[in-house]
Protein backbone atom coordinates (compact mmCIF):
# COMPACT_ATOMS: atom_id res chain seq x y z
CA UNK A 1 254.02 124.22 169.97
CA UNK A 2 256.47 121.31 170.27
CA UNK A 3 258.06 120.68 173.63
CA UNK A 4 261.87 120.92 173.60
CA UNK A 5 263.81 117.68 173.58
CA UNK A 6 265.95 117.06 176.66
CA UNK A 7 269.01 114.83 176.36
CA UNK A 8 269.50 112.95 179.62
CA UNK A 9 273.20 112.11 179.56
CA UNK A 10 274.32 109.15 181.67
CA UNK A 11 278.07 108.45 181.42
CA UNK A 12 278.70 104.94 182.72
CA UNK A 13 281.69 102.96 183.92
CA UNK A 14 281.20 99.81 186.01
CA UNK A 15 277.95 101.26 187.28
CA UNK A 16 275.82 98.15 187.64
CA UNK A 17 275.24 98.51 191.40
CA UNK A 18 273.01 101.59 191.17
CA UNK A 19 272.21 101.90 187.46
CA UNK A 20 268.78 100.27 187.61
CA UNK A 21 267.63 102.71 190.31
CA UNK A 22 269.02 105.57 188.24
CA UNK A 23 267.14 104.53 185.08
CA UNK A 24 263.88 103.87 186.95
CA UNK A 25 263.94 107.46 188.18
CA UNK A 26 264.19 108.60 184.55
CA UNK A 27 261.15 106.59 183.48
CA UNK A 28 259.09 108.07 186.34
CA UNK A 29 259.45 111.59 184.91
CA UNK A 30 256.27 113.60 184.39
CA UNK A 31 257.96 115.24 181.37
CA UNK A 32 258.41 112.67 178.63
CA UNK A 33 260.01 114.40 175.64
CA UNK A 34 263.55 113.20 176.26
CA UNK A 35 266.23 110.90 174.94
CA UNK A 36 268.65 108.95 177.11
CA UNK A 37 272.27 109.06 175.98
CA UNK A 38 274.33 106.37 177.70
CA UNK A 39 278.05 106.42 176.94
CA UNK A 40 279.87 103.47 178.43
CA UNK A 41 283.58 103.89 179.05
CA UNK A 42 284.67 100.24 178.67
CA UNK A 43 282.91 98.75 181.69
CA UNK A 44 284.02 95.30 182.84
CA UNK A 45 280.92 94.51 184.94
CA UNK A 46 277.35 93.89 183.71
CA UNK A 47 276.51 97.55 183.07
CA UNK A 48 275.84 96.92 179.37
CA UNK A 49 273.53 94.00 180.08
CA UNK A 50 271.42 96.18 182.37
CA UNK A 51 271.20 98.93 179.76
CA UNK A 52 270.22 96.50 177.01
CA UNK A 53 267.39 95.08 179.13
CA UNK A 54 265.98 98.58 179.60
CA UNK A 55 266.62 99.36 175.94
CA UNK A 56 264.23 96.58 174.92
CA UNK A 57 261.49 98.33 176.91
CA UNK A 58 262.12 101.91 175.76
CA UNK A 59 263.54 103.02 172.42
CA UNK A 60 264.51 106.42 173.82
CA UNK A 61 267.65 104.79 175.24
CA UNK A 62 270.65 105.23 172.93
CA UNK A 63 273.67 103.21 173.99
CA UNK A 64 277.19 104.06 172.85
CA UNK A 65 280.29 102.12 173.85
CA UNK A 66 283.65 103.87 173.65
CA UNK A 67 286.35 102.02 171.73
CA UNK A 68 288.87 102.98 174.41
CA UNK A 69 288.61 104.41 177.91
CA UNK A 70 288.14 108.19 177.65
CA UNK A 71 288.21 108.88 181.37
CA UNK A 72 285.69 110.84 183.39
CA UNK A 73 285.80 114.21 181.60
CA UNK A 74 286.27 112.66 178.18
CA UNK A 75 283.18 110.51 178.64
CA UNK A 76 281.11 113.49 179.79
CA UNK A 77 282.10 115.38 176.65
CA UNK A 78 281.31 112.37 174.48
CA UNK A 79 277.78 112.38 175.90
CA UNK A 80 277.33 116.03 174.94
CA UNK A 81 278.66 115.41 171.41
CA UNK A 82 276.10 112.65 170.84
CA UNK A 83 273.13 114.48 172.37
CA UNK A 84 270.44 115.75 169.98
CA UNK A 85 268.35 117.66 172.51
CA UNK A 86 268.00 121.39 172.99
CA UNK A 87 268.82 120.85 176.67
CA UNK A 88 271.51 118.72 178.31
CA UNK A 89 270.62 117.11 181.65
CA UNK A 90 273.37 115.03 183.23
CA UNK A 91 272.50 112.16 185.53
CA UNK A 92 275.23 110.01 187.00
CA UNK A 93 274.88 106.24 187.08
CA UNK A 94 274.66 106.22 190.90
CA UNK A 95 272.28 109.21 191.23
CA UNK A 96 268.55 109.68 190.71
CA UNK A 97 265.93 112.35 190.01
CA UNK A 98 262.57 113.15 191.54
CA UNK A 99 259.62 112.41 189.26
CA UNK A 100 259.02 116.11 188.53
CA UNK A 101 262.66 117.09 188.06
CA UNK A 102 262.66 117.68 184.30
CA UNK A 103 259.26 119.37 184.32
CA UNK A 104 260.15 121.75 187.15
CA UNK A 105 263.52 122.67 185.68
CA UNK A 106 262.10 123.28 182.22
CA UNK A 107 259.13 125.37 183.35
CA UNK A 108 261.35 128.05 184.95
CA UNK A 109 263.20 128.72 181.68
CA UNK A 110 262.62 131.35 179.04
CA UNK A 111 264.35 132.19 175.76
CA UNK A 112 267.25 133.85 177.62
CA UNK A 113 267.90 131.03 180.09
CA UNK A 114 271.12 129.13 179.45
CA UNK A 115 271.37 127.08 182.66
CA UNK A 116 269.10 125.87 185.45
CA UNK A 117 270.39 124.67 188.83
CA UNK A 118 268.39 122.77 191.46
CA UNK A 119 269.32 121.65 194.96
CA UNK A 120 270.48 118.10 195.66
CA UNK A 121 270.04 115.63 198.48
CA UNK A 122 273.19 113.79 199.57
CA UNK A 123 272.82 110.05 200.11
CA UNK A 124 275.69 108.65 202.16
CA UNK A 125 276.23 104.93 201.75
CA UNK A 126 277.53 102.69 204.55
CA UNK A 127 281.27 103.02 205.05
CA UNK A 128 281.48 106.75 204.34
CA UNK A 129 283.60 108.28 207.08
CA UNK A 130 282.49 111.07 209.38
CA UNK A 131 285.25 113.25 207.93
CA UNK A 132 283.85 112.96 204.41
CA UNK A 133 280.32 113.68 205.66
CA UNK A 134 281.58 116.79 207.43
CA UNK A 135 283.33 117.90 204.26
CA UNK A 136 280.05 117.78 202.36
CA UNK A 137 278.19 119.50 205.19
CA UNK A 138 280.72 122.35 205.10
CA UNK A 139 280.17 122.91 201.37
CA UNK A 140 278.01 126.05 201.09
CA UNK A 141 274.65 125.57 199.40
CA UNK A 142 273.10 128.15 197.11
CA UNK A 143 270.10 128.62 199.43
CA UNK A 144 272.50 129.51 202.24
CA UNK A 145 274.08 132.15 200.02
CA UNK A 146 271.05 133.65 198.29
CA UNK A 147 268.22 132.72 200.66
CA UNK A 148 265.40 130.22 200.31
CA UNK A 149 262.92 132.52 198.56
CA UNK A 150 261.73 130.22 195.82
CA UNK A 151 262.96 130.29 192.23
CA UNK A 152 265.52 133.06 191.62
CA UNK A 153 267.55 134.35 188.72
CA UNK A 154 271.20 134.56 189.74
CA UNK A 155 272.78 137.28 187.63
CA UNK A 156 276.26 136.94 186.17
CA UNK A 157 277.41 139.89 188.29
CA UNK A 158 276.11 138.37 191.52
CA UNK A 159 277.66 135.01 190.69
CA UNK A 160 281.04 136.75 190.26
CA UNK A 161 280.78 137.98 193.86
CA UNK A 162 280.00 134.46 195.10
CA UNK A 163 283.05 132.99 193.39
CA UNK A 164 285.38 135.20 195.42
CA UNK A 165 283.65 134.18 198.65
CA UNK A 166 283.25 130.44 198.05
CA UNK A 167 286.02 129.13 195.79
CA UNK A 168 287.02 126.29 195.62
CA UNK A 169 283.83 124.90 197.18
CA UNK A 170 281.31 123.57 194.68
CA UNK A 171 278.52 125.84 195.86
CA UNK A 172 276.54 125.47 192.61
CA UNK A 173 276.26 121.70 192.58
CA UNK A 174 277.34 118.53 190.84
CA UNK A 175 276.36 117.92 187.16
CA UNK A 176 273.30 115.97 188.30
CA UNK A 177 271.99 119.29 189.69
CA UNK A 178 272.24 121.26 186.44
CA UNK A 179 270.58 121.49 183.05
CA UNK A 180 271.98 123.68 180.26
CA UNK A 181 271.33 124.45 176.62
CA UNK A 182 273.49 122.48 174.24
CA UNK A 183 273.94 125.66 172.21
CA UNK A 184 276.23 127.10 174.92
CA UNK A 185 278.90 124.62 173.83
CA UNK A 186 279.25 126.57 170.57
CA UNK A 187 280.24 129.62 172.64
CA UNK A 188 282.34 128.17 175.46
CA UNK A 189 283.19 124.61 174.45
CA UNK A 190 282.95 121.48 176.59
CA UNK A 191 284.27 120.37 179.98
CA UNK A 192 287.97 121.12 180.47
CA UNK A 193 289.95 117.87 180.28
CA UNK A 194 292.84 119.44 182.23
CA UNK A 195 290.61 119.72 185.31
CA UNK A 196 289.52 116.55 187.11
CA UNK A 197 287.97 117.29 190.52
CA UNK A 198 286.70 120.81 189.82
CA UNK A 199 285.64 120.20 186.20
CA UNK A 200 281.92 120.52 186.98
CA UNK A 201 282.32 123.70 189.03
CA UNK A 202 284.58 125.25 186.38
CA UNK A 203 282.07 124.53 183.62
CA UNK A 204 279.14 125.97 185.59
CA UNK A 205 281.19 129.09 186.31
CA UNK A 206 282.10 129.40 182.63
CA UNK A 207 278.41 129.43 181.71
CA UNK A 208 277.29 131.49 184.70
CA UNK A 209 279.74 134.40 184.43
CA UNK A 210 278.35 135.06 180.94
CA UNK A 211 274.63 134.44 181.36
CA UNK A 212 273.84 133.81 185.03
CA UNK A 213 271.38 131.00 185.77
CA UNK A 214 268.01 130.16 187.26
CA UNK A 215 268.13 128.60 190.73
CA UNK A 216 265.50 126.25 192.18
CA UNK A 217 265.94 125.70 195.95
CA UNK A 218 263.98 122.43 195.90
CA UNK A 219 265.93 119.17 196.12
CA UNK A 220 265.01 117.58 192.80
CA UNK A 221 267.98 115.19 192.54
CA UNK A 222 269.80 112.73 194.78
CA UNK A 223 273.60 112.68 194.74
CA UNK A 224 275.03 109.45 196.13
CA UNK A 225 278.33 109.44 198.02
CA UNK A 226 280.04 106.05 198.23
CA UNK A 227 283.52 104.59 198.24
CA UNK A 228 283.50 103.70 194.54
CA UNK A 229 282.37 107.11 193.29
CA UNK A 230 284.66 109.14 191.03
CA UNK A 231 284.86 111.91 193.63
CA UNK A 232 286.14 109.59 196.34
CA UNK A 233 288.61 107.93 193.94
CA UNK A 234 289.94 111.34 192.97
CA UNK A 235 290.42 112.22 196.62
CA UNK A 236 292.30 109.05 197.49
CA UNK A 237 294.23 108.22 194.30
CA UNK A 238 294.84 111.65 192.77
CA UNK A 239 295.51 113.78 195.82
CA UNK A 240 297.87 116.24 194.15
CA UNK A 241 295.55 116.90 191.21
CA UNK A 242 292.40 117.29 193.28
CA UNK A 243 294.04 119.31 196.07
CA UNK A 244 296.44 121.54 194.15
CA UNK A 245 296.71 121.47 190.37
CA UNK A 246 292.93 121.61 189.76
CA UNK A 247 292.69 124.69 191.94
CA UNK A 248 295.67 126.33 190.27
CA UNK A 249 294.37 125.70 186.74
CA UNK A 250 290.85 126.92 187.58
CA UNK A 251 292.22 130.07 189.21
CA UNK A 252 294.40 130.69 186.17
CA UNK A 253 291.32 130.39 183.98
CA UNK A 254 289.53 132.95 186.16
CA UNK A 255 292.47 135.36 185.96
CA UNK A 256 293.64 134.92 182.37
CA UNK A 257 291.13 133.11 180.12
CA UNK A 258 288.94 135.04 177.66
CA UNK A 259 285.85 133.07 178.75
CA UNK A 260 286.19 134.74 182.15
CA UNK A 261 286.62 138.30 180.94
CA UNK A 262 283.19 139.15 182.35
CA UNK A 263 284.21 137.71 185.72
CA UNK A 264 287.25 139.96 185.96
CA UNK A 265 285.08 142.92 184.99
CA UNK A 266 282.46 142.26 187.69
CA UNK A 267 284.52 140.83 190.55
CA UNK A 268 285.36 143.27 193.33
CA UNK A 269 288.97 144.11 194.14
CA UNK A 270 288.53 142.49 197.57
CA UNK A 271 287.39 139.19 196.09
CA UNK A 272 290.10 139.28 193.44
CA UNK A 273 292.63 139.72 196.24
CA UNK A 274 291.15 136.70 198.05
CA UNK A 275 291.47 134.59 194.93
CA UNK A 276 295.05 135.75 194.32
CA UNK A 277 295.87 134.75 197.89
CA UNK A 278 294.18 131.39 197.19
CA UNK A 279 296.44 130.97 194.16
CA UNK A 280 299.54 131.84 196.19
CA UNK A 281 298.46 129.36 198.89
CA UNK A 282 297.91 126.59 196.31
CA UNK A 283 301.21 127.20 194.52
CA UNK A 284 303.20 127.32 197.76
CA UNK A 285 301.72 124.10 199.17
CA UNK A 286 301.94 122.35 195.80
CA UNK A 287 305.68 123.05 195.79
CA UNK A 288 306.00 121.72 199.35
CA UNK A 289 304.12 118.57 198.39
CA UNK A 290 306.37 118.03 195.38
CA UNK A 291 309.51 118.48 197.52
CA UNK A 292 308.17 115.95 200.02
CA UNK A 293 307.42 113.49 197.21
CA UNK A 294 310.48 114.36 195.13
CA UNK A 295 310.81 110.82 193.75
CA UNK A 296 307.50 111.15 191.91
CA UNK A 297 308.57 112.68 188.60
CA UNK A 298 304.97 112.80 187.36
CA UNK A 299 304.13 115.45 189.96
CA UNK A 300 307.05 117.59 188.86
CA UNK A 301 306.04 117.25 185.21
CA UNK A 302 302.42 118.08 185.98
CA UNK A 303 303.43 121.25 187.81
CA UNK A 304 305.87 122.23 185.08
CA UNK A 305 303.14 121.78 182.44
CA UNK A 306 300.93 124.20 184.37
CA UNK A 307 303.77 126.73 184.63
CA UNK A 308 304.38 126.45 180.90
CA UNK A 309 300.68 126.87 180.15
CA UNK A 310 300.30 129.89 182.44
CA UNK A 311 303.75 131.53 182.69
CA UNK A 312 302.29 134.56 184.48
CA UNK A 313 302.01 132.58 187.72
CA UNK A 314 305.78 132.26 187.96
CA UNK A 315 305.84 135.73 189.50
CA UNK A 316 304.01 134.37 192.57
CA UNK A 317 307.16 132.49 193.61
CA UNK A 318 308.78 135.71 194.78
CA UNK A 319 306.07 136.00 197.45
CA UNK A 320 306.80 132.56 198.96
CA UNK A 321 309.10 133.88 201.74
CA UNK A 322 306.50 136.48 202.75
CA UNK A 323 303.74 133.85 202.75
CA UNK A 324 305.85 131.41 204.80
CA UNK A 325 306.56 134.14 207.40
CA UNK A 326 302.90 135.16 207.56
CA UNK A 327 301.83 131.52 207.84
CA UNK A 328 304.22 130.90 210.76
CA UNK A 329 303.08 134.10 212.47
CA UNK A 330 299.39 133.15 212.22
CA UNK A 331 300.14 129.64 213.51
CA UNK A 332 302.02 131.09 216.50
CA UNK A 333 299.10 133.39 217.38
CA UNK A 334 296.66 130.48 217.19
CA UNK A 335 298.83 128.39 219.50
CA UNK A 336 299.02 131.22 222.05
CA UNK A 337 295.26 131.74 221.92
CA UNK A 338 294.64 128.02 222.42
CA UNK A 339 297.01 128.03 225.41
CA UNK A 340 295.13 130.95 226.97
CA UNK A 341 291.79 129.22 226.46
CA UNK A 342 293.02 125.99 228.04
CA UNK A 343 294.69 127.92 230.87
């Protein structure tokens, strides 16, 4: 019986600093039936030179250079389009895998498995602030939610309950932590280009609410956090998108999109209420942010595009006064409690 081919997808963009370490971790794998799809998004450093050196040593490396910059999500989707494997395993240019990663992820699958998720180890580079480290430490991990009992199958129904509790935290993991069948793209499509910061979480949810997934609590991958990473750039340069519009779009998908019909069927009324409150919160604060930055017409256009795409959320505006009153009331209670504690 032939072993299934795994497509290791490495989207690159000015990734020369850590790319060699990334590729070395691939060549240390105990499972060897894989191809390496590298899609470069118009790098201006020596990323291509590094890839070509490795390419001379191993013909499994397939290098593709985009004619124009596709951006983060566009480049991820390009990798999937070019992949020939039965399984897609993303690995970012600044991340790495343990030597047994592919083997361990593959051996827990069966004919019904559509996605496998493993735990990740965060590597914080010098210069990462304490605030960012705390943010990652506050992100709930799957083993904290489901227990560290070895390999588990997380059902679609159970995942739906976790979404209501954890959104918008990426409790499943970054793309480096997941492996999925390429065939799922025929059912649910590719990564959503309208979502930037939460695109990986949204895609995992889209797969998981249909088919569930297999969870491995072992840390089989390393996810590097540094100042040049896409996540940190999104946080600093695209604050509105990462803090508000991404949340709003993902919540709208959960509430209205056909791919999430199973989610709405299995989510409890309590968790649906929590998510509706989350949507109201995001819409209200997005409007405040736009009013504060009223000179930025791009923000206004971005918000209007969302409203046009999901007109049903316009009804939430009528609840703004109630939310503002409730917010002020909660803040007042907190201030009084803090005064009593200090007194």
